[in-house]
Full PDB file with SEQRES, HELIX, SHEET, SSBOND, CRYST1, ORIGX, SCALE, CONECT and MASTER records, all heavy atoms in Angstrom:
SEQRES   1 A   33  VAL PHE SER HIS GLN PHE SER SER ILE ALA GLY ALA GLY          
SEQRES   2 A   33  PRO VAL THR GLY PRO ILE LEU ALA SER VAL PHE GLY TRP          
SEQRES   3 A   33  VAL PRO VAL LEU LEU TRP LEU                                  
HELIX    1 AA1 PHE A    2  ALA A   10  1                                   9    
HELIX    2 AA2 GLY A   13  ALA A   21  1                                   9    
HELIX    3 AA3 SER A   22  PHE A   24  5                                   3    
HELIX    4 AA4 TRP A   26  TRP A   32  1                                   7    
CRYST1    1.000    1.000    1.000  90.00  90.00  90.00 P 1           1          
ORIGX1      1.000000  0.000000  0.000000        0.00000                         
ORIGX2      0.000000  1.000000  0.000000        0.00000                         
ORIGX3      0.000000  0.000000  1.000000        0.00000                         
SCALE1      1.000000  0.000000  0.000000        0.00000                         
SCALE2      0.000000  1.000000  0.000000        0.00000                         
SCALE3      0.000000  0.000000  1.000000        0.00000                         
ATOM      1  N   VAL A   1      -8.436   8.912 -17.906  1.00  0.00           N  
ATOM      2  CA  VAL A   1      -6.975   8.679 -17.659  1.00  0.00           C  
ATOM      3  C   VAL A   1      -6.669   8.414 -16.238  1.00  0.00           C  
ATOM      4  O   VAL A   1      -5.920   7.496 -15.906  1.00  0.00           O  
ATOM      5  CB  VAL A   1      -6.098   9.841 -18.245  1.00  0.00           C  
ATOM      6  CG1 VAL A   1      -4.653   9.487 -18.221  1.00  0.00           C  
ATOM      7  CG2 VAL A   1      -6.661  10.326 -19.667  1.00  0.00           C  
ATOM      8  N   PHE A   2      -7.232   9.176 -15.317  1.00  0.00           N  
ATOM      9  CA  PHE A   2      -7.061   8.947 -13.873  1.00  0.00           C  
ATOM     10  C   PHE A   2      -7.442   7.450 -13.490  1.00  0.00           C  
ATOM     11  O   PHE A   2      -6.778   6.823 -12.768  1.00  0.00           O  
ATOM     12  CB  PHE A   2      -7.877   9.968 -13.009  1.00  0.00           C  
ATOM     13  CG  PHE A   2      -7.867   9.662 -11.621  1.00  0.00           C  
ATOM     14  CD1 PHE A   2      -6.793  10.172 -10.821  1.00  0.00           C  
ATOM     15  CD2 PHE A   2      -8.813   8.929 -10.970  1.00  0.00           C  
ATOM     16  CE1 PHE A   2      -6.806   9.903  -9.471  1.00  0.00           C  
ATOM     17  CE2 PHE A   2      -8.762   8.706  -9.648  1.00  0.00           C  
ATOM     18  CZ  PHE A   2      -7.776   9.100  -8.771  1.00  0.00           C  
ATOM     19  N   SER A   3      -8.709   7.121 -13.994  1.00  0.00           N  
ATOM     20  CA  SER A   3      -9.048   5.734 -13.679  1.00  0.00           C  
ATOM     21  C   SER A   3      -8.137   4.662 -14.232  1.00  0.00           C  
ATOM     22  O   SER A   3      -7.956   3.702 -13.482  1.00  0.00           O  
ATOM     23  CB  SER A   3     -10.541   5.594 -14.277  1.00  0.00           C  
ATOM     24  OG  SER A   3     -10.459   5.481 -15.666  1.00  0.00           O  
ATOM     25  N   HIS A   4      -7.642   4.883 -15.365  1.00  0.00           N  
ATOM     26  CA  HIS A   4      -6.670   3.869 -15.873  1.00  0.00           C  
ATOM     27  C   HIS A   4      -5.367   3.921 -15.019  1.00  0.00           C  
ATOM     28  O   HIS A   4      -4.888   2.831 -14.593  1.00  0.00           O  
ATOM     29  CB  HIS A   4      -6.281   4.222 -17.311  1.00  0.00           C  
ATOM     30  CG  HIS A   4      -5.044   3.467 -17.827  1.00  0.00           C  
ATOM     31  ND1 HIS A   4      -4.984   2.154 -18.077  1.00  0.00           N  
ATOM     32  CD2 HIS A   4      -3.763   3.945 -18.094  1.00  0.00           C  
ATOM     33  CE1 HIS A   4      -3.880   1.747 -18.402  1.00  0.00           C  
ATOM     34  NE2 HIS A   4      -3.065   2.778 -18.490  1.00  0.00           N  
ATOM     35  N   GLN A   5      -4.888   5.086 -14.730  1.00  0.00           N  
ATOM     36  CA  GLN A   5      -3.700   5.174 -13.899  1.00  0.00           C  
ATOM     37  C   GLN A   5      -3.834   4.588 -12.538  1.00  0.00           C  
ATOM     38  O   GLN A   5      -3.053   3.821 -12.081  1.00  0.00           O  
ATOM     39  CB  GLN A   5      -3.243   6.694 -13.776  1.00  0.00           C  
ATOM     40  CG  GLN A   5      -2.041   6.916 -12.866  1.00  0.00           C  
ATOM     41  CD  GLN A   5      -0.689   6.803 -13.624  1.00  0.00           C  
ATOM     42  OE1 GLN A   5      -0.717   6.479 -14.819  1.00  0.00           O  
ATOM     43  NE2 GLN A   5       0.336   6.918 -12.890  1.00  0.00           N  
ATOM     44  N   PHE A   6      -4.960   4.963 -11.822  1.00  0.00           N  
ATOM     45  CA  PHE A   6      -5.130   4.466 -10.503  1.00  0.00           C  
ATOM     46  C   PHE A   6      -5.362   2.952 -10.496  1.00  0.00           C  
ATOM     47  O   PHE A   6      -4.820   2.251  -9.660  1.00  0.00           O  
ATOM     48  CB  PHE A   6      -6.365   5.212  -9.909  1.00  0.00           C  
ATOM     49  CG  PHE A   6      -6.786   4.647  -8.570  1.00  0.00           C  
ATOM     50  CD1 PHE A   6      -5.963   4.639  -7.408  1.00  0.00           C  
ATOM     51  CD2 PHE A   6      -8.047   4.004  -8.317  1.00  0.00           C  
ATOM     52  CE1 PHE A   6      -6.333   4.116  -6.222  1.00  0.00           C  
ATOM     53  CE2 PHE A   6      -8.417   3.454  -7.122  1.00  0.00           C  
ATOM     54  CZ  PHE A   6      -7.491   3.537  -6.034  1.00  0.00           C  
ATOM     55  N   SER A   7      -6.261   2.499 -11.343  1.00  0.00           N  
ATOM     56  CA  SER A   7      -6.461   1.046 -11.399  1.00  0.00           C  
ATOM     57  C   SER A   7      -5.367   0.231 -11.736  1.00  0.00           C  
ATOM     58  O   SER A   7      -5.107  -0.858 -11.097  1.00  0.00           O  
ATOM     59  CB  SER A   7      -7.565   0.667 -12.473  1.00  0.00           C  
ATOM     60  OG  SER A   7      -8.823   1.372 -12.199  1.00  0.00           O  
ATOM     61  N   SER A   8      -4.452   0.712 -12.618  1.00  0.00           N  
ATOM     62  CA  SER A   8      -3.221   0.045 -12.931  1.00  0.00           C  
ATOM     63  C   SER A   8      -2.185   0.007 -11.910  1.00  0.00           C  
ATOM     64  O   SER A   8      -1.528  -0.992 -11.684  1.00  0.00           O  
ATOM     65  CB  SER A   8      -2.635   0.685 -14.281  1.00  0.00           C  
ATOM     66  OG  SER A   8      -3.582   0.531 -15.358  1.00  0.00           O  
ATOM     67  N   ILE A   9      -1.979   1.152 -11.243  1.00  0.00           N  
ATOM     68  CA  ILE A   9      -0.903   1.235 -10.313  1.00  0.00           C  
ATOM     69  C   ILE A   9      -1.344   0.674  -8.988  1.00  0.00           C  
ATOM     70  O   ILE A   9      -0.410   0.187  -8.207  1.00  0.00           O  
ATOM     71  CB  ILE A   9      -0.319   2.689 -10.101  1.00  0.00           C  
ATOM     72  CG1 ILE A   9      -1.385   3.568  -9.444  1.00  0.00           C  
ATOM     73  CG2 ILE A   9       0.093   3.363 -11.341  1.00  0.00           C  
ATOM     74  CD1 ILE A   9      -0.934   4.944  -8.965  1.00  0.00           C  
ATOM     75  N   ALA A  10      -2.555   0.707  -8.574  1.00  0.00           N  
ATOM     76  CA  ALA A  10      -3.008   0.237  -7.327  1.00  0.00           C  
ATOM     77  C   ALA A  10      -2.609  -1.249  -7.116  1.00  0.00           C  
ATOM     78  O   ALA A  10      -1.953  -1.647  -6.203  1.00  0.00           O  
ATOM     79  CB  ALA A  10      -4.521   0.436  -7.137  1.00  0.00           C  
ATOM     80  N   GLY A  11      -3.145  -2.081  -7.967  1.00  0.00           N  
ATOM     81  CA  GLY A  11      -2.742  -3.533  -7.940  1.00  0.00           C  
ATOM     82  C   GLY A  11      -3.029  -4.113  -6.533  1.00  0.00           C  
ATOM     83  O   GLY A  11      -3.881  -3.678  -5.772  1.00  0.00           O  
ATOM     84  N   ALA A  12      -2.280  -5.177  -6.266  1.00  0.00           N  
ATOM     85  CA  ALA A  12      -2.322  -5.785  -4.959  1.00  0.00           C  
ATOM     86  C   ALA A  12      -1.399  -5.186  -3.876  1.00  0.00           C  
ATOM     87  O   ALA A  12      -1.516  -5.390  -2.761  1.00  0.00           O  
ATOM     88  CB  ALA A  12      -1.922  -7.324  -5.091  1.00  0.00           C  
ATOM     89  N   GLY A  13      -0.569  -4.322  -4.427  1.00  0.00           N  
ATOM     90  CA  GLY A  13       0.515  -3.759  -3.492  1.00  0.00           C  
ATOM     91  C   GLY A  13      -0.014  -2.989  -2.234  1.00  0.00           C  
ATOM     92  O   GLY A  13       0.464  -3.322  -1.127  1.00  0.00           O  
ATOM     93  N   PRO A  14      -0.905  -2.042  -2.417  1.00  0.00           N  
ATOM     94  CA  PRO A  14      -1.266  -1.202  -1.326  1.00  0.00           C  
ATOM     95  C   PRO A  14      -2.089  -1.975  -0.247  1.00  0.00           C  
ATOM     96  O   PRO A  14      -2.330  -1.571   0.877  1.00  0.00           O  
ATOM     97  CB  PRO A  14      -2.114  -0.140  -1.952  1.00  0.00           C  
ATOM     98  CG  PRO A  14      -2.595  -0.657  -3.216  1.00  0.00           C  
ATOM     99  CD  PRO A  14      -1.486  -1.461  -3.735  1.00  0.00           C  
ATOM    100  N   VAL A  15      -2.649  -3.226  -0.649  1.00  0.00           N  
ATOM    101  CA  VAL A  15      -3.205  -4.011   0.273  1.00  0.00           C  
ATOM    102  C   VAL A  15      -2.240  -5.045   0.931  1.00  0.00           C  
ATOM    103  O   VAL A  15      -2.153  -5.230   2.124  1.00  0.00           O  
ATOM    104  CB  VAL A  15      -4.458  -4.895  -0.281  1.00  0.00           C  
ATOM    105  CG1 VAL A  15      -4.983  -5.964   0.615  1.00  0.00           C  
ATOM    106  CG2 VAL A  15      -5.537  -3.892  -0.759  1.00  0.00           C  
ATOM    107  N   THR A  16      -1.517  -5.616   0.009  1.00  0.00           N  
ATOM    108  CA  THR A  16      -0.555  -6.675   0.529  1.00  0.00           C  
ATOM    109  C   THR A  16       0.592  -6.097   1.335  1.00  0.00           C  
ATOM    110  O   THR A  16       0.926  -6.583   2.416  1.00  0.00           O  
ATOM    111  CB  THR A  16       0.097  -7.427  -0.772  1.00  0.00           C  
ATOM    112  OG1 THR A  16      -1.003  -7.992  -1.506  1.00  0.00           O  
ATOM    113  CG2 THR A  16       0.973  -8.445  -0.373  1.00  0.00           C  
ATOM    114  N   GLY A  17       1.331  -5.074   0.734  1.00  0.00           N  
ATOM    115  CA  GLY A  17       2.387  -4.497   1.484  1.00  0.00           C  
ATOM    116  C   GLY A  17       2.245  -4.126   2.895  1.00  0.00           C  
ATOM    117  O   GLY A  17       2.936  -4.544   3.816  1.00  0.00           O  
ATOM    118  N   PRO A  18       1.346  -3.210   3.186  1.00  0.00           N  
ATOM    119  CA  PRO A  18       1.054  -2.769   4.622  1.00  0.00           C  
ATOM    120  C   PRO A  18       0.811  -3.842   5.499  1.00  0.00           C  
ATOM    121  O   PRO A  18       1.125  -3.868   6.734  1.00  0.00           O  
ATOM    122  CB  PRO A  18      -0.065  -1.713   4.459  1.00  0.00           C  
ATOM    123  CG  PRO A  18       0.068  -1.158   3.103  1.00  0.00           C  
ATOM    124  CD  PRO A  18       0.525  -2.357   2.227  1.00  0.00           C  
ATOM    125  N   ILE A  19      -0.070  -4.950   4.995  1.00  0.00           N  
ATOM    126  CA  ILE A  19      -0.422  -5.983   5.862  1.00  0.00           C  
ATOM    127  C   ILE A  19       0.790  -6.859   6.296  1.00  0.00           C  
ATOM    128  O   ILE A  19       0.994  -7.277   7.393  1.00  0.00           O  
ATOM    129  CB  ILE A  19      -1.561  -6.792   5.265  1.00  0.00           C  
ATOM    130  CG1 ILE A  19      -2.810  -5.974   5.280  1.00  0.00           C  
ATOM    131  CG2 ILE A  19      -1.852  -8.143   5.989  1.00  0.00           C  
ATOM    132  CD1 ILE A  19      -3.976  -6.706   4.517  1.00  0.00           C  
ATOM    133  N   LEU A  20       1.571  -7.166   5.164  1.00  0.00           N  
ATOM    134  CA  LEU A  20       2.727  -7.935   5.451  1.00  0.00           C  
ATOM    135  C   LEU A  20       3.853  -7.224   6.353  1.00  0.00           C  
ATOM    136  O   LEU A  20       4.451  -7.784   7.227  1.00  0.00           O  
ATOM    137  CB  LEU A  20       3.516  -8.357   4.154  1.00  0.00           C  
ATOM    138  CG  LEU A  20       2.760  -9.334   3.267  1.00  0.00           C  
ATOM    139  CD1 LEU A  20       3.489  -9.579   1.939  1.00  0.00           C  
ATOM    140  CD2 LEU A  20       2.563 -10.689   3.910  1.00  0.00           C  
ATOM    141  N   ALA A  21       3.926  -5.886   6.159  1.00  0.00           N  
ATOM    142  CA  ALA A  21       4.814  -5.079   6.933  1.00  0.00           C  
ATOM    143  C   ALA A  21       4.428  -4.750   8.338  1.00  0.00           C  
ATOM    144  O   ALA A  21       5.139  -4.231   9.141  1.00  0.00           O  
ATOM    145  CB  ALA A  21       5.156  -3.879   6.181  1.00  0.00           C  
ATOM    146  N   SER A  22       3.129  -5.053   8.586  1.00  0.00           N  
ATOM    147  CA  SER A  22       2.509  -4.719   9.930  1.00  0.00           C  
ATOM    148  C   SER A  22       3.210  -5.451  11.066  1.00  0.00           C  
ATOM    149  O   SER A  22       3.011  -5.097  12.309  1.00  0.00           O  
ATOM    150  CB  SER A  22       1.019  -4.884   9.930  1.00  0.00           C  
ATOM    151  OG  SER A  22       0.801  -6.316   9.787  1.00  0.00           O  
ATOM    152  N   VAL A  23       4.010  -6.488  10.736  1.00  0.00           N  
ATOM    153  CA  VAL A  23       4.731  -7.215  11.749  1.00  0.00           C  
ATOM    154  C   VAL A  23       5.775  -6.211  12.508  1.00  0.00           C  
ATOM    155  O   VAL A  23       6.127  -6.546  13.708  1.00  0.00           O  
ATOM    156  CB  VAL A  23       5.473  -8.431  11.224  1.00  0.00           C  
ATOM    157  CG1 VAL A  23       4.511  -9.532  10.686  1.00  0.00           C  
ATOM    158  CG2 VAL A  23       6.480  -8.043  10.191  1.00  0.00           C  
ATOM    159  N   PHE A  24       6.154  -5.132  11.897  1.00  0.00           N  
ATOM    160  CA  PHE A  24       7.118  -4.224  12.520  1.00  0.00           C  
ATOM    161  C   PHE A  24       6.338  -3.252  13.409  1.00  0.00           C  
ATOM    162  O   PHE A  24       6.932  -2.454  14.144  1.00  0.00           O  
ATOM    163  CB  PHE A  24       7.903  -3.509  11.456  1.00  0.00           C  
ATOM    164  CG  PHE A  24       8.919  -4.319  10.739  1.00  0.00           C  
ATOM    165  CD1 PHE A  24       8.599  -4.811   9.534  1.00  0.00           C  
ATOM    166  CD2 PHE A  24      10.105  -4.690  11.393  1.00  0.00           C  
ATOM    167  CE1 PHE A  24       9.592  -5.623   8.865  1.00  0.00           C  
ATOM    168  CE2 PHE A  24      10.989  -5.408  10.790  1.00  0.00           C  
ATOM    169  CZ  PHE A  24      10.726  -5.940   9.459  1.00  0.00           C  
ATOM    170  N   GLY A  25       5.002  -3.210  13.362  1.00  0.00           N  
ATOM    171  CA  GLY A  25       4.185  -2.239  14.125  1.00  0.00           C  
ATOM    172  C   GLY A  25       3.575  -1.212  13.079  1.00  0.00           C  
ATOM    173  O   GLY A  25       4.030  -0.961  12.110  1.00  0.00           O  
ATOM    174  N   TRP A  26       2.510  -0.593  13.725  1.00  0.00           N  
ATOM    175  CA  TRP A  26       1.682   0.202  12.843  1.00  0.00           C  
ATOM    176  C   TRP A  26       2.321   1.632  12.585  1.00  0.00           C  
ATOM    177  O   TRP A  26       2.200   2.277  11.565  1.00  0.00           O  
ATOM    178  CB  TRP A  26       0.331   0.419  13.256  1.00  0.00           C  
ATOM    179  CG  TRP A  26       0.065   1.214  14.645  1.00  0.00           C  
ATOM    180  CD1 TRP A  26       0.054   0.641  15.856  1.00  0.00           C  
ATOM    181  CD2 TRP A  26      -0.031   2.610  14.768  1.00  0.00           C  
ATOM    182  NE1 TRP A  26      -0.202   1.595  16.838  1.00  0.00           N  
ATOM    183  CE2 TRP A  26      -0.247   2.782  16.215  1.00  0.00           C  
ATOM    184  CE3 TRP A  26      -0.041   3.637  13.901  1.00  0.00           C  
ATOM    185  CZ2 TRP A  26      -0.350   4.054  16.693  1.00  0.00           C  
ATOM    186  CZ3 TRP A  26      -0.258   4.929  14.479  1.00  0.00           C  
ATOM    187  CH2 TRP A  26      -0.381   5.142  15.853  1.00  0.00           C  
ATOM    188  N   VAL A  27       3.136   2.137  13.499  1.00  0.00           N  
ATOM    189  CA  VAL A  27       3.820   3.489  13.471  1.00  0.00           C  
ATOM    190  C   VAL A  27       4.755   3.554  12.284  1.00  0.00           C  
ATOM    191  O   VAL A  27       4.634   4.409  11.422  1.00  0.00           O  
ATOM    192  CB  VAL A  27       4.395   3.949  14.745  1.00  0.00           C  
ATOM    193  CG1 VAL A  27       5.236   5.209  14.549  1.00  0.00           C  
ATOM    194  CG2 VAL A  27       3.389   4.179  15.870  1.00  0.00           C  
ATOM    195  N   PRO A  28       5.708   2.596  12.052  1.00  0.00           N  
ATOM    196  CA  PRO A  28       6.633   2.754  10.944  1.00  0.00           C  
ATOM    197  C   PRO A  28       5.997   2.500   9.623  1.00  0.00           C  
ATOM    198  O   PRO A  28       6.283   3.120   8.622  1.00  0.00           O  
ATOM    199  CB  PRO A  28       7.615   1.634  11.188  1.00  0.00           C  
ATOM    200  CG  PRO A  28       7.005   0.749  12.113  1.00  0.00           C  
ATOM    201  CD  PRO A  28       6.140   1.577  13.042  1.00  0.00           C  
ATOM    202  N   VAL A  29       4.862   1.709   9.586  1.00  0.00           N  
ATOM    203  CA  VAL A  29       4.124   1.508   8.406  1.00  0.00           C  
ATOM    204  C   VAL A  29       3.385   2.748   8.007  1.00  0.00           C  
ATOM    205  O   VAL A  29       3.480   3.211   6.749  1.00  0.00           O  
ATOM    206  CB  VAL A  29       3.063   0.405   8.489  1.00  0.00           C  
ATOM    207  CG1 VAL A  29       2.163   0.287   7.344  1.00  0.00           C  
ATOM    208  CG2 VAL A  29       3.777  -0.965   8.754  1.00  0.00           C  
ATOM    209  N   LEU A  30       2.742   3.488   8.920  1.00  0.00           N  
ATOM    210  CA  LEU A  30       1.964   4.638   8.618  1.00  0.00           C  
ATOM    211  C   LEU A  30       2.927   5.830   8.176  1.00  0.00           C  
ATOM    212  O   LEU A  30       2.644   6.543   7.222  1.00  0.00           O  
ATOM    213  CB  LEU A  30       1.201   5.156   9.884  1.00  0.00           C  
ATOM    214  CG  LEU A  30       0.524   6.362   9.759  1.00  0.00           C  
ATOM    215  CD1 LEU A  30      -0.600   6.358   8.732  1.00  0.00           C  
ATOM    216  CD2 LEU A  30      -0.057   6.878  11.165  1.00  0.00           C  
ATOM    217  N   LEU A  31       4.082   5.885   8.841  1.00  0.00           N  
ATOM    218  CA  LEU A  31       5.026   6.951   8.461  1.00  0.00           C  
ATOM    219  C   LEU A  31       5.636   6.725   7.047  1.00  0.00           C  
ATOM    220  O   LEU A  31       5.664   7.802   6.259  1.00  0.00           O  
ATOM    221  CB  LEU A  31       6.264   6.978   9.434  1.00  0.00           C  
ATOM    222  CG  LEU A  31       5.892   7.478  10.856  1.00  0.00           C  
ATOM    223  CD1 LEU A  31       7.056   7.426  11.838  1.00  0.00           C  
ATOM    224  CD2 LEU A  31       5.417   8.933  10.843  1.00  0.00           C  
ATOM    225  N   TRP A  32       5.878   5.560   6.643  1.00  0.00           N  
ATOM    226  CA  TRP A  32       6.367   5.231   5.324  1.00  0.00           C  
ATOM    227  C   TRP A  32       5.392   5.470   4.277  1.00  0.00           C  
ATOM    228  O   TRP A  32       5.603   6.069   3.181  1.00  0.00           O  
ATOM    229  CB  TRP A  32       6.981   3.902   5.268  1.00  0.00           C  
ATOM    230  CG  TRP A  32       7.567   3.403   3.861  1.00  0.00           C  
ATOM    231  CD1 TRP A  32       7.330   2.455   3.187  1.00  0.00           C  
ATOM    232  CD2 TRP A  32       8.437   4.311   3.068  1.00  0.00           C  
ATOM    233  NE1 TRP A  32       7.917   2.415   1.987  1.00  0.00           N  
ATOM    234  CE2 TRP A  32       8.655   3.597   1.942  1.00  0.00           C  
ATOM    235  CE3 TRP A  32       9.117   5.511   3.292  1.00  0.00           C  
ATOM    236  CZ2 TRP A  32       9.474   3.958   0.956  1.00  0.00           C  
ATOM    237  CZ3 TRP A  32       9.934   5.991   2.230  1.00  0.00           C  
ATOM    238  CH2 TRP A  32      10.171   5.231   1.049  1.00  0.00           C  
ATOM    239  N   LEU A  33       4.102   5.144   4.516  1.00  0.00           N  
ATOM    240  CA  LEU A  33       3.035   5.422   3.628  1.00  0.00           C  
ATOM    241  C   LEU A  33       2.775   6.913   3.348  1.00  0.00           C  
ATOM    242  O   LEU A  33       2.589   7.278   2.224  1.00  0.00           O  
ATOM    243  CB  LEU A  33       1.717   4.794   4.123  1.00  0.00           C  
ATOM    244  CG  LEU A  33       1.585   3.235   4.012  1.00  0.00           C  
ATOM    245  CD1 LEU A  33       0.282   2.734   4.826  1.00  0.00           C  
ATOM    246  CD2 LEU A  33       1.505   2.745   2.548  1.00  0.00           C  
TER     247      LEU A  33                                                      
MASTER        0    0    0    4    0    0    0    6  246    1    0    3          
END                                                                             
């Protein structure tokens, strides 16, 4: 069940989002994560 949950929710988001948002700097990105 963990593998289904993790695989399904991870998606492209945790890779795409922080990289796109890195234009604001790494500190705000890290804090929000």
